[in-house]
Amino acid sequence: MIAHTYKDLVVWQRAVELVLEVYAVTNQFPKEEVYGLTSQMRRAAVSIPSNIAEGKLRRSQKEFRQFLLIAFGSGGELETQIFISKKLPKLKELDYSKVDGLLLEVMKMLNKMLSLEPKA
């Protein structure tokens, strides 16, 4: 199936699911994290599908690849923030399994897309 719009891309769809799960997990964070990890994690998560969409709308393979790289970088940020959250006493008991699974899936898809996209 050919993706006509960014909404047709499975990676974008899964990335949106990831955002919703990040919001669900961070809703359980203590109030003192609102301007800390909660905000950082939400921004990093939202950045992933946003950059996929923007890149797809640019209609140039070179620009699309650049935005996929940015989305991939945001995934790395989110992965690091989740790792830190799991180490903090007030946050380590939360269930991160859905977020972890979706992030892994999205990162694998982005990695595959980047390996297929021409670098020039």
PDB file of N, CA and C in Angstrom:
ATOM      1  N   MET A   1       0.840  -1.187   0.000  1.00  0.00           N
ATOM      2  CA  MET A   1       0.000   0.000   0.000  1.00  0.00           C
ATOM      3  C   MET A   1       0.884   1.250   0.000  1.00  0.00           C
ATOM      4  N   ILE A   2       0.581   2.164  -0.861  1.00  0.00           N
ATOM      5  CA  ILE A   2       1.329   3.418  -0.960  1.00  0.00           C
ATOM      6  C   ILE A   2       0.711   4.438  -0.015  1.00  0.00           C
ATOM      7  N   ALA A   3       1.566   5.111   0.725  1.00  0.00           N
ATOM      8  CA  ALA A   3       1.099   6.156   1.648  1.00  0.00           C
ATOM      9  C   ALA A   3       0.903   7.449   0.867  1.00  0.00           C
ATOM     10  N   HIS A   4      -0.335   7.886   0.784  1.00  0.00           N
ATOM     11  CA  HIS A   4      -0.623   9.119   0.060  1.00  0.00           C
ATOM     12  C   HIS A   4      -0.454  10.344   0.963  1.00  0.00           C
ATOM     13  N   THR A   5      -0.767  10.183   2.228  1.00  0.00           N
ATOM     14  CA  THR A   5      -0.574  11.266   3.195  1.00  0.00           C
ATOM     15  C   THR A   5       0.169  10.698   4.395  1.00  0.00           C
ATOM     16  N   TYR A   6       0.622  11.565   5.249  1.00  0.00           N
ATOM     17  CA  TYR A   6       1.320  11.106   6.452  1.00  0.00           C
ATOM     18  C   TYR A   6       0.411  10.253   7.334  1.00  0.00           C
ATOM     19  N   LYS A   7      -0.888  10.488   7.271  1.00  0.00           N
ATOM     20  CA  LYS A   7      -1.834   9.711   8.087  1.00  0.00           C
ATOM     21  C   LYS A   7      -1.917   8.258   7.643  1.00  0.00           C
ATOM     22  N   ASP A   8      -1.492   7.968   6.431  1.00  0.00           N
ATOM     23  CA  ASP A   8      -1.469   6.598   5.924  1.00  0.00           C
ATOM     24  C   ASP A   8      -0.233   5.829   6.408  1.00  0.00           C
ATOM     25  N   LEU A   9       0.757   6.536   6.917  1.00  0.00           N
ATOM     26  CA  LEU A   9       1.998   5.893   7.360  1.00  0.00           C
ATOM     27  C   LEU A   9       1.778   5.196   8.710  1.00  0.00           C
ATOM     28  N   VAL A  10       2.052   3.908   8.755  1.00  0.00           N
ATOM     29  CA  VAL A  10       1.881   3.146   9.996  1.00  0.00           C
ATOM     30  C   VAL A  10       2.774   3.714  11.086  1.00  0.00           C
ATOM     31  N   VAL A  11       3.966   4.160  10.735  1.00  0.00           N
ATOM     32  CA  VAL A  11       4.875   4.724  11.731  1.00  0.00           C
ATOM     33  C   VAL A  11       4.263   5.971  12.369  1.00  0.00           C
ATOM     34  N   TRP A  12       3.587   6.789  11.582  1.00  0.00           N
ATOM     35  CA  TRP A  12       2.922   7.985  12.134  1.00  0.00           C
ATOM     36  C   TRP A  12       1.784   7.558  13.062  1.00  0.00           C
ATOM     37  N   GLN A  13       1.001   6.578  12.643  1.00  0.00           N
ATOM     38  CA  GLN A  13      -0.119   6.080  13.457  1.00  0.00           C
ATOM     39  C   GLN A  13       0.366   5.543  14.801  1.00  0.00           C
ATOM     40  N   ARG A  14       1.425   4.753  14.766  1.00  0.00           N
ATOM     41  CA  ARG A  14       1.981   4.198  16.015  1.00  0.00           C
ATOM     42  C   ARG A  14       2.590   5.296  16.885  1.00  0.00           C
ATOM     43  N   ALA A  15       3.192   6.292  16.245  1.00  0.00           N
ATOM     44  CA  ALA A  15       3.783   7.404  16.992  1.00  0.00           C
ATOM     45  C   ALA A  15       2.696   8.201  17.709  1.00  0.00           C
ATOM     46  N   VAL A  16       1.536   8.350  17.090  1.00  0.00           N
ATOM     47  CA  VAL A  16       0.417   9.030  17.750  1.00  0.00           C
ATOM     48  C   VAL A  16      -0.051   8.193  18.954  1.00  0.00           C
ATOM     49  N   GLU A  17      -0.122   6.879  18.791  1.00  0.00           N
ATOM     50  CA  GLU A  17      -0.465   6.001  19.922  1.00  0.00           C
ATOM     51  C   GLU A  17       0.549   6.177  21.052  1.00  0.00           C
ATOM     52  N   LEU A  18       1.820   6.291  20.678  1.00  0.00           N
ATOM     53  CA  LEU A  18       2.877   6.508  21.660  1.00  0.00           C
ATOM     54  C   LEU A  18       2.638   7.790  22.442  1.00  0.00           C
ATOM     55  N   VAL A  19       2.268   8.861  21.762  1.00  0.00           N
ATOM     56  CA  VAL A  19       1.982  10.134  22.430  1.00  0.00           C
ATOM     57  C   VAL A  19       0.883   9.940  23.471  1.00  0.00           C
ATOM     58  N   LEU A  20      -0.181   9.259  23.085  1.00  0.00           N
ATOM     59  CA  LEU A  20      -1.297   9.043  24.009  1.00  0.00           C
ATOM     60  C   LEU A  20      -0.861   8.249  25.237  1.00  0.00           C
ATOM     61  N   GLU A  21      -0.002   7.260  25.030  1.00  0.00           N
ATOM     62  CA  GLU A  21       0.503   6.466  26.162  1.00  0.00           C
ATOM     63  C   GLU A  21       1.442   7.274  27.047  1.00  0.00           C
ATOM     64  N   VAL A  22       2.262   8.134  26.436  1.00  0.00           N
ATOM     65  CA  VAL A  22       3.141   9.001  27.235  1.00  0.00           C
ATOM     66  C   VAL A  22       2.294   9.927  28.102  1.00  0.00           C
ATOM     67  N   TYR A  23       1.227  10.470  27.532  1.00  0.00           N
ATOM     68  CA  TYR A  23       0.330  11.317  28.321  1.00  0.00           C
ATOM     69  C   TYR A  23      -0.295  10.521  29.464  1.00  0.00           C
ATOM     70  N   ALA A  24      -0.705   9.282  29.201  1.00  0.00           N
ATOM     71  CA  ALA A  24      -1.314   8.445  30.241  1.00  0.00           C
ATOM     72  C   ALA A  24      -0.329   8.182  31.383  1.00  0.00           C
ATOM     73  N   VAL A  25       0.914   7.872  31.044  1.00  0.00           N
ATOM     74  CA  VAL A  25       1.926   7.605  32.084  1.00  0.00           C
ATOM     75  C   VAL A  25       2.256   8.883  32.842  1.00  0.00           C
ATOM     76  N   THR A  26       2.484   9.975  32.120  1.00  0.00           N
ATOM     77  CA  THR A  26       2.896  11.208  32.796  1.00  0.00           C
ATOM     78  C   THR A  26       1.757  11.836  33.609  1.00  0.00           C
ATOM     79  N   ASN A  27       0.513  11.469  33.322  1.00  0.00           N
ATOM     80  CA  ASN A  27      -0.599  11.921  34.168  1.00  0.00           C
ATOM     81  C   ASN A  27      -0.474  11.378  35.582  1.00  0.00           C
ATOM     82  N   GLN A  28       0.289  10.308  35.738  1.00  0.00           N
ATOM     83  CA  GLN A  28       0.496   9.693  37.044  1.00  0.00           C
ATOM     84  C   GLN A  28       1.719  10.253  37.782  1.00  0.00           C
ATOM     85  N   PHE A  29       2.482  11.099  37.115  1.00  0.00           N
ATOM     86  CA  PHE A  29       3.664  11.701  37.737  1.00  0.00           C
ATOM     87  C   PHE A  29       3.225  12.688  38.814  1.00  0.00           C
ATOM     88  N   PRO A  30       4.046  12.886  39.833  1.00  0.00           N
ATOM     89  CA  PRO A  30       3.713  13.885  40.860  1.00  0.00           C
ATOM     90  C   PRO A  30       3.684  15.299  40.273  1.00  0.00           C
ATOM     91  N   LYS A  31       2.939  16.158  40.923  1.00  0.00           N
ATOM     92  CA  LYS A  31       2.754  17.537  40.436  1.00  0.00           C
ATOM     93  C   LYS A  31       4.075  18.284  40.281  1.00  0.00           C
ATOM     94  N   GLU A  32       5.057  17.980  41.117  1.00  0.00           N
ATOM     95  CA  GLU A  32       6.334  18.703  41.015  1.00  0.00           C
ATOM     96  C   GLU A  32       7.085  18.393  39.716  1.00  0.00           C
ATOM     97  N   GLU A  33       6.647  17.384  38.977  1.00  0.00           N
ATOM     98  CA  GLU A  33       7.282  17.047  37.702  1.00  0.00           C
ATOM     99  C   GLU A  33       6.611  17.717  36.501  1.00  0.00           C
ATOM    100  N   VAL A  34       5.552  18.500  36.730  1.00  0.00           N
ATOM    101  CA  VAL A  34       4.817  19.121  35.619  1.00  0.00           C
ATOM    102  C   VAL A  34       5.743  19.904  34.704  1.00  0.00           C
ATOM    103  N   TYR A  35       6.668  20.660  35.246  1.00  0.00           N
ATOM    104  CA  TYR A  35       7.572  21.476  34.440  1.00  0.00           C
ATOM    105  C   TYR A  35       8.909  20.779  34.196  1.00  0.00           C
ATOM    106  N   GLY A  36       9.030  19.562  34.675  1.00  0.00           N
ATOM    107  CA  GLY A  36      10.253  18.793  34.497  1.00  0.00           C
ATOM    108  C   GLY A  36      10.047  17.672  33.491  1.00  0.00           C
ATOM    109  N   LEU A  37      10.119  16.451  33.977  1.00  0.00           N
ATOM    110  CA  LEU A  37      10.031  15.295  33.091  1.00  0.00           C
ATOM    111  C   LEU A  37       8.698  15.192  32.360  1.00  0.00           C
ATOM    112  N   THR A  38       7.611  15.548  33.009  1.00  0.00           N
ATOM    113  CA  THR A  38       6.305  15.471  32.336  1.00  0.00           C
ATOM    114  C   THR A  38       6.325  16.298  31.053  1.00  0.00           C
ATOM    115  N   SER A  39       6.729  17.542  31.172  1.00  0.00           N
ATOM    116  CA  SER A  39       6.774  18.440  30.025  1.00  0.00           C
ATOM    117  C   SER A  39       7.768  17.957  28.975  1.00  0.00           C
ATOM    118  N   GLN A  40       8.946  17.551  29.416  1.00  0.00           N
ATOM    119  CA  GLN A  40       9.994  17.095  28.489  1.00  0.00           C
ATOM    120  C   GLN A  40       9.562  15.857  27.720  1.00  0.00           C
ATOM    121  N   MET A  41       8.981  14.891  28.428  1.00  0.00           N
ATOM    122  CA  MET A  41       8.573  13.644  27.793  1.00  0.00           C
ATOM    123  C   MET A  41       7.438  13.875  26.796  1.00  0.00           C
ATOM    124  N   ARG A  42       6.509  14.720  27.170  1.00  0.00           N
ATOM    125  CA  ARG A  42       5.391  15.005  26.269  1.00  0.00           C
ATOM    126  C   ARG A  42       5.867  15.716  25.013  1.00  0.00           C
ATOM    127  N   ARG A  43       6.766  16.670  25.169  1.00  0.00           N
ATOM    128  CA  ARG A  43       7.288  17.390  23.997  1.00  0.00           C
ATOM    129  C   ARG A  43       8.065  16.456  23.069  1.00  0.00           C
ATOM    130  N   ALA A  44       8.898  15.604  23.655  1.00  0.00           N
ATOM    131  CA  ALA A  44       9.672  14.662  22.840  1.00  0.00           C
ATOM    132  C   ALA A  44       8.746  13.699  22.106  1.00  0.00           C
ATOM    133  N   ALA A  45       7.726  13.209  22.798  1.00  0.00           N
ATOM    134  CA  ALA A  45       6.781  12.274  22.179  1.00  0.00           C
ATOM    135  C   ALA A  45       6.007  12.935  21.045  1.00  0.00           C
ATOM    136  N   VAL A  46       5.494  14.124  21.278  1.00  0.00           N
ATOM    137  CA  VAL A  46       4.720  14.845  20.258  1.00  0.00           C
ATOM    138  C   VAL A  46       5.596  15.178  19.051  1.00  0.00           C
ATOM    139  N   SER A  47       6.862  15.393  19.285  1.00  0.00           N
ATOM    140  CA  SER A  47       7.789  15.731  18.207  1.00  0.00           C
ATOM    141  C   SER A  47       7.914  14.602  17.183  1.00  0.00           C
ATOM    142  N   ILE A  48       7.752  13.371  17.615  1.00  0.00           N
ATOM    143  CA  ILE A  48       7.958  12.238  16.700  1.00  0.00           C
ATOM    144  C   ILE A  48       6.926  12.244  15.559  1.00  0.00           C
ATOM    145  N   PRO A  49       5.624  12.132  15.845  1.00  0.00           N
ATOM    146  CA  PRO A  49       4.676  12.150  14.720  1.00  0.00           C
ATOM    147  C   PRO A  49       4.624  13.501  14.007  1.00  0.00           C
ATOM    148  N   SER A  50       4.897  14.574  14.736  1.00  0.00           N
ATOM    149  CA  SER A  50       4.883  15.905  14.114  1.00  0.00           C
ATOM    150  C   SER A  50       5.947  16.014  13.032  1.00  0.00           C
ATOM    151  N   ASN A  51       7.138  15.516  13.313  1.00  0.00           N
ATOM    152  CA  ASN A  51       8.221  15.579  12.324  1.00  0.00           C
ATOM    153  C   ASN A  51       8.003  14.612  11.171  1.00  0.00           C
ATOM    154  N   ILE A  52       7.403  13.475  11.447  1.00  0.00           N
ATOM    155  CA  ILE A  52       7.057  12.555  10.362  1.00  0.00           C
ATOM    156  C   ILE A  52       6.075  13.242   9.412  1.00  0.00           C
ATOM    157  N   ALA A  53       5.058  13.874   9.979  1.00  0.00           N
ATOM    158  CA  ALA A  53       4.044  14.567   9.172  1.00  0.00           C
ATOM    159  C   ALA A  53       4.668  15.712   8.377  1.00  0.00           C
ATOM    160  N   GLU A  54       5.456  16.536   9.038  1.00  0.00           N
ATOM    161  CA  GLU A  54       6.056  17.678   8.345  1.00  0.00           C
ATOM    162  C   GLU A  54       6.961  17.218   7.211  1.00  0.00           C
ATOM    163  N   GLY A  55       7.753  16.205   7.481  1.00  0.00           N
ATOM    164  CA  GLY A  55       8.645  15.691   6.441  1.00  0.00           C
ATOM    165  C   GLY A  55       7.896  15.144   5.244  1.00  0.00           C
ATOM    166  N   LYS A  56       6.828  14.413   5.522  1.00  0.00           N
ATOM    167  CA  LYS A  56       6.028  13.851   4.426  1.00  0.00           C
ATOM    168  C   LYS A  56       5.398  14.958   3.582  1.00  0.00           C
ATOM    169  N   LEU A  57       4.969  16.026   4.217  1.00  0.00           N
ATOM    170  CA  LEU A  57       4.329  17.129   3.501  1.00  0.00           C
ATOM    171  C   LEU A  57       5.313  17.974   2.695  1.00  0.00           C
ATOM    172  N   ARG A  58       6.590  17.851   2.981  1.00  0.00           N
ATOM    173  CA  ARG A  58       7.592  18.615   2.229  1.00  0.00           C
ATOM    174  C   ARG A  58       7.733  18.121   0.795  1.00  0.00           C
ATOM    175  N   ARG A  59       7.355  16.896   0.533  1.00  0.00           N
ATOM    176  CA  ARG A  59       7.323  16.304  -0.814  1.00  0.00           C
ATOM    177  C   ARG A  59       8.687  16.157  -1.478  1.00  0.00           C
ATOM    178  N   SER A  60       9.714  16.199  -0.702  1.00  0.00           N
ATOM    179  CA  SER A  60      11.061  15.958  -1.223  1.00  0.00           C
ATOM    180  C   SER A  60      11.654  14.827  -0.380  1.00  0.00           C
ATOM    181  N   GLN A  61      12.227  13.833  -1.037  1.00  0.00           N
ATOM    182  CA  GLN A  61      12.810  12.701  -0.315  1.00  0.00           C
ATOM    183  C   GLN A  61      13.933  13.137   0.629  1.00  0.00           C
ATOM    184  N   LYS A  62      14.726  14.092   0.184  1.00  0.00           N
ATOM    185  CA  LYS A  62      15.832  14.575   1.018  1.00  0.00           C
ATOM    186  C   LYS A  62      15.295  15.227   2.296  1.00  0.00           C
ATOM    187  N   GLU A  63      14.277  16.064   2.155  1.00  0.00           N
ATOM    188  CA  GLU A  63      13.700  16.712   3.335  1.00  0.00           C
ATOM    189  C   GLU A  63      12.969  15.704   4.208  1.00  0.00           C
ATOM    190  N   PHE A  64      12.266  14.763   3.593  1.00  0.00           N
ATOM    191  CA  PHE A  64      11.571  13.729   4.360  1.00  0.00           C
ATOM    192  C   PHE A  64      12.566  12.967   5.220  1.00  0.00           C
ATOM    193  N   ARG A  65      13.695  12.596   4.632  1.00  0.00           N
ATOM    194  CA  ARG A  65      14.735  11.883   5.386  1.00  0.00           C
ATOM    195  C   ARG A  65      15.229  12.724   6.570  1.00  0.00           C
ATOM    196  N   GLN A  66      15.435  14.014   6.335  1.00  0.00           N
ATOM    197  CA  GLN A  66      15.905  14.900   7.404  1.00  0.00           C
ATOM    198  C   GLN A  66      14.907  14.928   8.561  1.00  0.00           C
ATOM    199  N   PHE A  67      13.620  15.003   8.253  1.00  0.00           N
ATOM    200  CA  PHE A  67      12.611  15.029   9.307  1.00  0.00           C
ATOM    201  C   PHE A  67      12.467  13.668   9.991  1.00  0.00           C
ATOM    202  N   LEU A  68      12.699  12.587   9.255  1.00  0.00           N
ATOM    203  CA  LEU A  68      12.715  11.269   9.889  1.00  0.00           C
ATOM    204  C   LEU A  68      13.875  11.177  10.884  1.00  0.00           C
ATOM    205  N   LEU A  69      15.018  11.766  10.521  1.00  0.00           N
ATOM    206  CA  LEU A  69      16.161  11.793  11.435  1.00  0.00           C
ATOM    207  C   LEU A  69      15.844  12.590  12.700  1.00  0.00           C
ATOM    208  N   ILE A  70      15.135  13.692  12.541  1.00  0.00           N
ATOM    209  CA  ILE A  70      14.739  14.495  13.703  1.00  0.00           C
ATOM    210  C   ILE A  70      13.779  13.699  14.583  1.00  0.00           C
ATOM    211  N   ALA A  71      12.813  13.016  13.959  1.00  0.00           N
ATOM    212  CA  ALA A  71      11.870  12.178  14.708  1.00  0.00           C
ATOM    213  C   ALA A  71      12.620  11.082  15.460  1.00  0.00           C
ATOM    214  N   PHE A  72      13.601  10.480  14.793  1.00  0.00           N
ATOM    215  CA  PHE A  72      14.411   9.428  15.419  1.00  0.00           C
ATOM    216  C   PHE A  72      15.177   9.984  16.626  1.00  0.00           C
ATOM    217  N   GLY A  73      15.702  11.193  16.471  1.00  0.00           N
ATOM    218  CA  GLY A  73      16.403  11.847  17.584  1.00  0.00           C
ATOM    219  C   GLY A  73      15.474  12.121  18.747  1.00  0.00           C
ATOM    220  N   SER A  74      14.255  12.542  18.456  1.00  0.00           N
ATOM    221  CA  SER A  74      13.269  12.772  19.520  1.00  0.00           C
ATOM    222  C   SER A  74      12.932  11.468  20.225  1.00  0.00           C
ATOM    223  N   GLY A  75      12.925  10.376  19.479  1.00  0.00           N
ATOM    224  CA  GLY A  75      12.719   9.066  20.094  1.00  0.00           C
ATOM    225  C   GLY A  75      13.839   8.730  21.063  1.00  0.00           C
ATOM    226  N   GLY A  76      15.060   9.089  20.700  1.00  0.00           N
ATOM    227  CA  GLY A  76      16.196   8.884  21.602  1.00  0.00           C
ATOM    228  C   GLY A  76      16.073   9.727  22.866  1.00  0.00           C
ATOM    229  N   GLU A  77      15.606  10.957  22.703  1.00  0.00           N
ATOM    230  CA  GLU A  77      15.360  11.818  23.868  1.00  0.00           C
ATOM    231  C   GLU A  77      14.334  11.170  24.791  1.00  0.00           C
ATOM    232  N   LEU A  78      13.221  10.731  24.199  1.00  0.00           N
ATOM    233  CA  LEU A  78      12.155  10.124  24.991  1.00  0.00           C
ATOM    234  C   LEU A  78      12.639   8.857  25.685  1.00  0.00           C
ATOM    235  N   GLU A  79      13.411   8.059  24.986  1.00  0.00           N
ATOM    236  CA  GLU A  79      13.957   6.832  25.569  1.00  0.00           C
ATOM    237  C   GLU A  79      14.808   7.160  26.800  1.00  0.00           C
ATOM    238  N   THR A  80      15.613   8.193  26.698  1.00  0.00           N
ATOM    239  CA  THR A  80      16.460   8.618  27.818  1.00  0.00           C
ATOM    240  C   THR A  80      15.617   9.126  28.983  1.00  0.00           C
ATOM    241  N   GLN A  81      14.592   9.898  28.690  1.00  0.00           N
ATOM    242  CA  GLN A  81      13.718  10.439  29.739  1.00  0.00           C
ATOM    243  C   GLN A  81      12.951   9.324  30.447  1.00  0.00           C
ATOM    244  N   ILE A  82      12.526   8.315  29.698  1.00  0.00           N
ATOM    245  CA  ILE A  82      11.858   7.165  30.308  1.00  0.00           C
ATOM    246  C   ILE A  82      12.834   6.424  31.210  1.00  0.00           C
ATOM    247  N   PHE A  83      14.057   6.242  30.733  1.00  0.00           N
ATOM    248  CA  PHE A  83      15.091   5.577  31.522  1.00  0.00           C
ATOM    249  C   PHE A  83      15.305   6.301  32.854  1.00  0.00           C
ATOM    250  N   ILE A  84      15.401   7.618  32.797  1.00  0.00           N
ATOM    251  CA  ILE A  84      15.590   8.426  34.012  1.00  0.00           C
ATOM    252  C   ILE A  84      14.374   8.288  34.924  1.00  0.00           C
ATOM    253  N   SER A  85      13.184   8.346  34.350  1.00  0.00           N
ATOM    254  CA  SER A  85      11.952   8.216  35.142  1.00  0.00           C
ATOM    255  C   SER A  85      11.934   6.913  35.922  1.00  0.00           C
ATOM    256  N   LYS A  86      12.351   5.854  35.271  1.00  0.00           N
ATOM    257  CA  LYS A  86      12.356   4.533  35.914  1.00  0.00           C
ATOM    258  C   LYS A  86      13.334   4.457  37.075  1.00  0.00           C
ATOM    259  N   LYS A  87      14.299   5.353  37.121  1.00  0.00           N
ATOM    260  CA  LYS A  87      15.304   5.370  38.192  1.00  0.00           C
ATOM    261  C   LYS A  87      14.869   6.214  39.396  1.00  0.00           C
ATOM    262  N   LEU A  88      13.885   7.096  39.196  1.00  0.00           N
ATOM    263  CA  LEU A  88      13.456   7.990  40.268  1.00  0.00           C
ATOM    264  C   LEU A  88      12.495   7.283  41.215  1.00  0.00           C
ATOM    265  N   PRO A  89      12.714   7.433  42.523  1.00  0.00           N
ATOM    266  CA  PRO A  89      11.903   6.704  43.507  1.00  0.00           C
ATOM    267  C   PRO A  89      10.387   6.866  43.336  1.00  0.00           C
ATOM    268  N   LYS A  90       9.919   8.065  43.069  1.00  0.00           N
ATOM    269  CA  LYS A  90       8.473   8.285  42.967  1.00  0.00           C
ATOM    270  C   LYS A  90       7.880   7.799  41.648  1.00  0.00           C
ATOM    271  N   LEU A  91       8.723   7.486  40.675  1.00  0.00           N
ATOM    272  CA  LEU A  91       8.232   7.145  39.339  1.00  0.00           C
ATOM    273  C   LEU A  91       8.537   5.710  38.915  1.00  0.00           C
ATOM    274  N   LYS A  92       9.443   5.046  39.623  1.00  0.00           N
ATOM    275  CA  LYS A  92       9.921   3.750  39.145  1.00  0.00           C
ATOM    276  C   LYS A  92       8.885   2.629  39.214  1.00  0.00           C
ATOM    277  N   GLU A  93       7.845   2.783  40.020  1.00  0.00           N
ATOM    278  CA  GLU A  93       6.834   1.728  40.155  1.00  0.00           C
ATOM    279  C   GLU A  93       5.732   1.807  39.098  1.00  0.00           C
ATOM    280  N   LEU A  94       5.746   2.833  38.272  1.00  0.00           N
ATOM    281  CA  LEU A  94       4.711   2.982  37.254  1.00  0.00           C
ATOM    282  C   LEU A  94       4.888   1.940  36.151  1.00  0.00           C
ATOM    283  N   ASP A  95       3.809   1.650  35.446  1.00  0.00           N
ATOM    284  CA  ASP A  95       3.845   0.681  34.357  1.00  0.00           C
ATOM    285  C   ASP A  95       4.217   1.395  33.053  1.00  0.00           C
ATOM    286  N   TYR A  96       5.418   1.153  32.592  1.00  0.00           N
ATOM    287  CA  TYR A  96       5.930   1.766  31.367  1.00  0.00           C
ATOM    288  C   TYR A  96       5.854   0.802  30.178  1.00  0.00           C
ATOM    289  N   SER A  97       5.232  -0.362  30.358  1.00  0.00           N
ATOM    290  CA  SER A  97       5.299  -1.405  29.337  1.00  0.00           C
ATOM    291  C   SER A  97       4.708  -0.981  27.990  1.00  0.00           C
ATOM    292  N   LYS A  98       3.576  -0.298  27.981  1.00  0.00           N
ATOM    293  CA  LYS A  98       2.977   0.135  26.710  1.00  0.00           C
ATOM    294  C   LYS A  98       3.850   1.179  26.025  1.00  0.00           C
ATOM    295  N   VAL A  99       4.354   2.118  26.812  1.00  0.00           N
ATOM    296  CA  VAL A  99       5.237   3.158  26.253  1.00  0.00           C
ATOM    297  C   VAL A  99       6.504   2.521  25.693  1.00  0.00           C
ATOM    298  N   ASP A 100       7.094   1.622  26.460  1.00  0.00           N
ATOM    299  CA  ASP A 100       8.317   0.953  26.002  1.00  0.00           C
ATOM    300  C   ASP A 100       8.080   0.194  24.698  1.00  0.00           C
ATOM    301  N   GLY A 101       6.988  -0.551  24.634  1.00  0.00           N
ATOM    302  CA  GLY A 101       6.691  -1.343  23.443  1.00  0.00           C
ATOM    303  C   GLY A 101       6.449  -0.481  22.217  1.00  0.00           C
ATOM    304  N   LEU A 102       5.661   0.565  22.381  1.00  0.00           N
ATOM    305  CA  LEU A 102       5.376   1.453  21.247  1.00  0.00           C
ATOM    306  C   LEU A 102       6.618   2.207  20.802  1.00  0.00           C
ATOM    307  N   LEU A 103       7.410   2.674  21.764  1.00  0.00           N
ATOM    308  CA  LEU A 103       8.633   3.397  21.400  1.00  0.00           C
ATOM    309  C   LEU A 103       9.581   2.481  20.629  1.00  0.00           C
ATOM    310  N   LEU A 104       9.740   1.262  21.093  1.00  0.00           N
ATOM    311  CA  LEU A 104      10.604   0.311  20.389  1.00  0.00           C
ATOM    312  C   LEU A 104      10.097   0.074  18.968  1.00  0.00           C
ATOM    313  N   GLU A 105       8.791  -0.108  18.828  1.00  0.00           N
ATOM    314  CA  GLU A 105       8.199  -0.331  17.512  1.00  0.00           C
ATOM    315  C   GLU A 105       8.426   0.867  16.579  1.00  0.00           C
ATOM    316  N   VAL A 106       8.183   2.063  17.078  1.00  0.00           N
ATOM    317  CA  VAL A 106       8.357   3.273  16.276  1.00  0.00           C
ATOM    318  C   VAL A 106       9.823   3.454  15.888  1.00  0.00           C
ATOM    319  N   MET A 107      10.715   3.243  16.835  1.00  0.00           N
ATOM    320  CA  MET A 107      12.142   3.417  16.539  1.00  0.00           C
ATOM    321  C   MET A 107      12.618   2.413  15.493  1.00  0.00           C
ATOM    322  N   LYS A 108      12.135   1.178  15.570  1.00  0.00           N
ATOM    323  CA  LYS A 108      12.506   0.177  14.567  1.00  0.00           C
ATOM    324  C   LYS A 108      11.992   0.581  13.191  1.00  0.00           C
ATOM    325  N   MET A 109      10.765   1.082  13.130  1.00  0.00           N
ATOM    326  CA  MET A 109      10.197   1.504  11.848  1.00  0.00           C
ATOM    327  C   MET A 109      10.974   2.682  11.267  1.00  0.00           C
ATOM    328  N   LEU A 110      11.280   3.661  12.122  1.00  0.00           N
ATOM    329  CA  LEU A 110      12.047   4.817  11.655  1.00  0.00           C
ATOM    330  C   LEU A 110      13.425   4.387  11.167  1.00  0.00           C
ATOM    331  N   ASN A 111      14.065   3.509  11.909  1.00  0.00           N
ATOM    332  CA  ASN A 111      15.380   3.015  11.530  1.00  0.00           C
ATOM    333  C   ASN A 111      15.323   2.317  10.174  1.00  0.00           C
ATOM    334  N   LYS A 112      14.301   1.513   9.973  1.00  0.00           N
ATOM    335  CA  LYS A 112      14.129   0.811   8.695  1.00  0.00           C
ATOM    336  C   LYS A 112      13.898   1.816   7.561  1.00  0.00           C
ATOM    337  N   MET A 113      13.037   2.796   7.806  1.00  0.00           N
ATOM    338  CA  MET A 113      12.765   3.808   6.781  1.00  0.00           C
ATOM    339  C   MET A 113      14.025   4.581   6.442  1.00  0.00           C
ATOM    340  N   LEU A 114      14.813   4.905   7.441  1.00  0.00           N
ATOM    341  CA  LEU A 114      16.049   5.661   7.207  1.00  0.00           C
ATOM    342  C   LEU A 114      17.074   4.839   6.438  1.00  0.00           C
ATOM    343  N   SER A 115      17.076   3.541   6.675  1.00  0.00           N
ATOM    344  CA  SER A 115      18.036   2.695   5.939  1.00  0.00           C
ATOM    345  C   SER A 115      17.618   2.516   4.482  1.00  0.00           C
ATOM    346  N   LEU A 116      16.320   2.727   4.190  1.00  0.00           N
ATOM    347  CA  LEU A 116      15.812   2.589   2.819  1.00  0.00           C
ATOM    348  C   LEU A 116      15.848   3.892   2.034  1.00  0.00           C
ATOM    349  N   GLU A 117      15.810   5.015   2.771  1.00  0.00           N
ATOM    350  CA  GLU A 117      15.772   6.335   2.117  1.00  0.00           C
ATOM    351  C   GLU A 117      17.144   6.667   1.528  1.00  0.00           C
ATOM    352  N   PRO A 118      17.160   7.236   0.329  1.00  0.00           N
ATOM    353  CA  PRO A 118      18.447   7.667  -0.254  1.00  0.00           C
ATOM    354  C   PRO A 118      19.062   8.782   0.591  1.00  0.00           C
ATOM    355  N   LYS A 119      20.357   8.744   0.750  1.00  0.00           N
ATOM    356  CA  LYS A 119      21.052   9.714   1.594  1.00  0.00           C
ATOM    357  C   LYS A 119      21.377  11.009   0.861  1.00  0.00           C
ATOM    358  N   ALA A 120      21.302  11.019  -0.429  1.00  0.00           N
ATOM    359  CA  ALA A 120      21.679  12.208  -1.205  1.00  0.00           C
ATOM    360  C   ALA A 120      20.621  13.271  -1.221  1.00  0.00           C
TER     361      ALA A 120
END
